[in-house]
Amino acid sequence: MTTLDRSEMPVSTASPQFIFPQYHTTYLSNGIKVYVIEDHTQPLVSISLTIKDGAISESIGGLSRFCARMFTRGTSKRSGTKIADDIDFLGASISSSAGWDATETSVLMLAEFTEEATEILADCILHPQFSTEEIERLRRQSIAEIQQITADQTNLATSIFNHVVFAEHPYSHRRYGSTSSLVSITRDDCLSWKEHLESQEQFFIVAGNISASSAVSLLEKHFGAMKYHPQSLPTFPMLKSASRRVAITDKQDALQSTIIIGGISISHTHPDYPALDLANSICGGMFTSRINGLLREKHGYTYGARSYFDTRKHATTHQASSSVGKESTAHSIQIILEEMNRMRHEPVTAEEFQTAKQYLLGSFVRDLETPHDVSQLLQTIELYDFPKDYYTNYFATISTMNHEDLFPVQQRYFDVDSMTIAASGEVEYLAKELAQFGTVEIITLDV
């Protein structure tokens, strides 16, 4: 009779099944692409318009985010308060936001109020007023938020990491802006940015309890007359990994340090990406990863440490991060570098490989449980110009990957000598402690 060893977690070798959910694709009469994901098992409908541009193209730091938020703060026929009241009356929600590469305005409502909520959405997108009163109100709010953001150590470390890794690229600036940039934004700036967005490629995603034909008819009614002649964005320089740099920024009286280590990596469409994603899961992508196991479980330096990919349309970074006690900063950095270097020089174990493989496949299937989940993946496919079968192929590649397939990828992409080390904390302490890793640059950020 065999004895069950309860000290070791059993590793499953059975792969979950994956079929990308069905969706419809069509176009409005003006040429705007529409995706529809039908799900009649629940009462909600969501509609989003995504414009394929964001902070990467702004001329003033924070302008894209500021203008996106203004879309729901007053139109030619509704004040910001009226928009909020009308949406609340329907039991719906509306939002508008801007990231690095996209600007999205969306509404979520019960299916029975789809017509009314879509009319409000169209009013916000087509007729934002950018009133001086609302601009000043949002300016005060945004500046107050900047004070909070710049007091956050993770944000500080992220800002200097981006500043160094992206160098002269537009991704290097802070998309939240600064007090000085927000103060400079005028109504004319908002109007010019809106005009710019109107010239960019756009697409709708409708998901939930609505038929494809009804969704298209609804959008045609409210958006079909919209002029749509998208122009191409300018090209941006290709980014490559450079030699190691060490950058720090000050957080006065900080009792801990936030560290980020990483650099430019490959895009999601690169043939090596699925294997690199799996290798990253072992290194720092899972709770049971090597980095978290050492920094959290063994040494007790942190509540959590992880590694991940920051994916943008024109560049991707691979980075590891954690917040640790000040006295543990240098040792934590050393541990992360050692583990990343180990990934480059040693194959992972067969058990680690199988655990990470099952983790990725299981997470992937769970990420498709709701229409909103599916719409997020469709948005990613369209925004980043992925092949339509990207996720199906990704899943198939992970499913059929063998243990011996991984090490060649590990050797190619875990180069610690080209990784930037960024940290926020007590700058005098950091400057001394981090000198062992290279020449330390002190970066001062505008508030």
Foldseek 3Di string as FASTA:
>chain_A
DDDDDPVDDDFDLDFDDDDQADWDWDAFPQGAIEIEAEDQPDFKKKKKKKFFAFQLPDPFAQLRFLLQQLLCQAFPVAHNVRSVVQCVVQVKDWGWGGDHTITMTMIMGGPVCVLVRVLSSLRSLPTRDLDPVVLVVVLVVLQVVQVVQVLDFVSVLVLVQLCPQVPPRSSNHHNSHFNVRSVPDDSVSSVVVSVVSQQTRMHMYMYYHDDPVVVSVSCCVRPVPRNHHHDDDDDTDAGDFDFEAEEEEENPPFQKKKKKKKHWDDALQPPCNLLVQLLQCQCFADCPHPLNCCCPVPVNFFPGKGWDWDDDLRTIMTMIITIGGLVCVLVSVVSSLVSLVCLQVDQDDQSSSSNSLNVVSVVLVVLNPGRVSSVVVVCVCVNNVNPPCSVVVSNVCSSPDDSVVNNVSSNPGSDRRRMYMYMYYHVVSCCVSCVVVDHYHYDYDHD
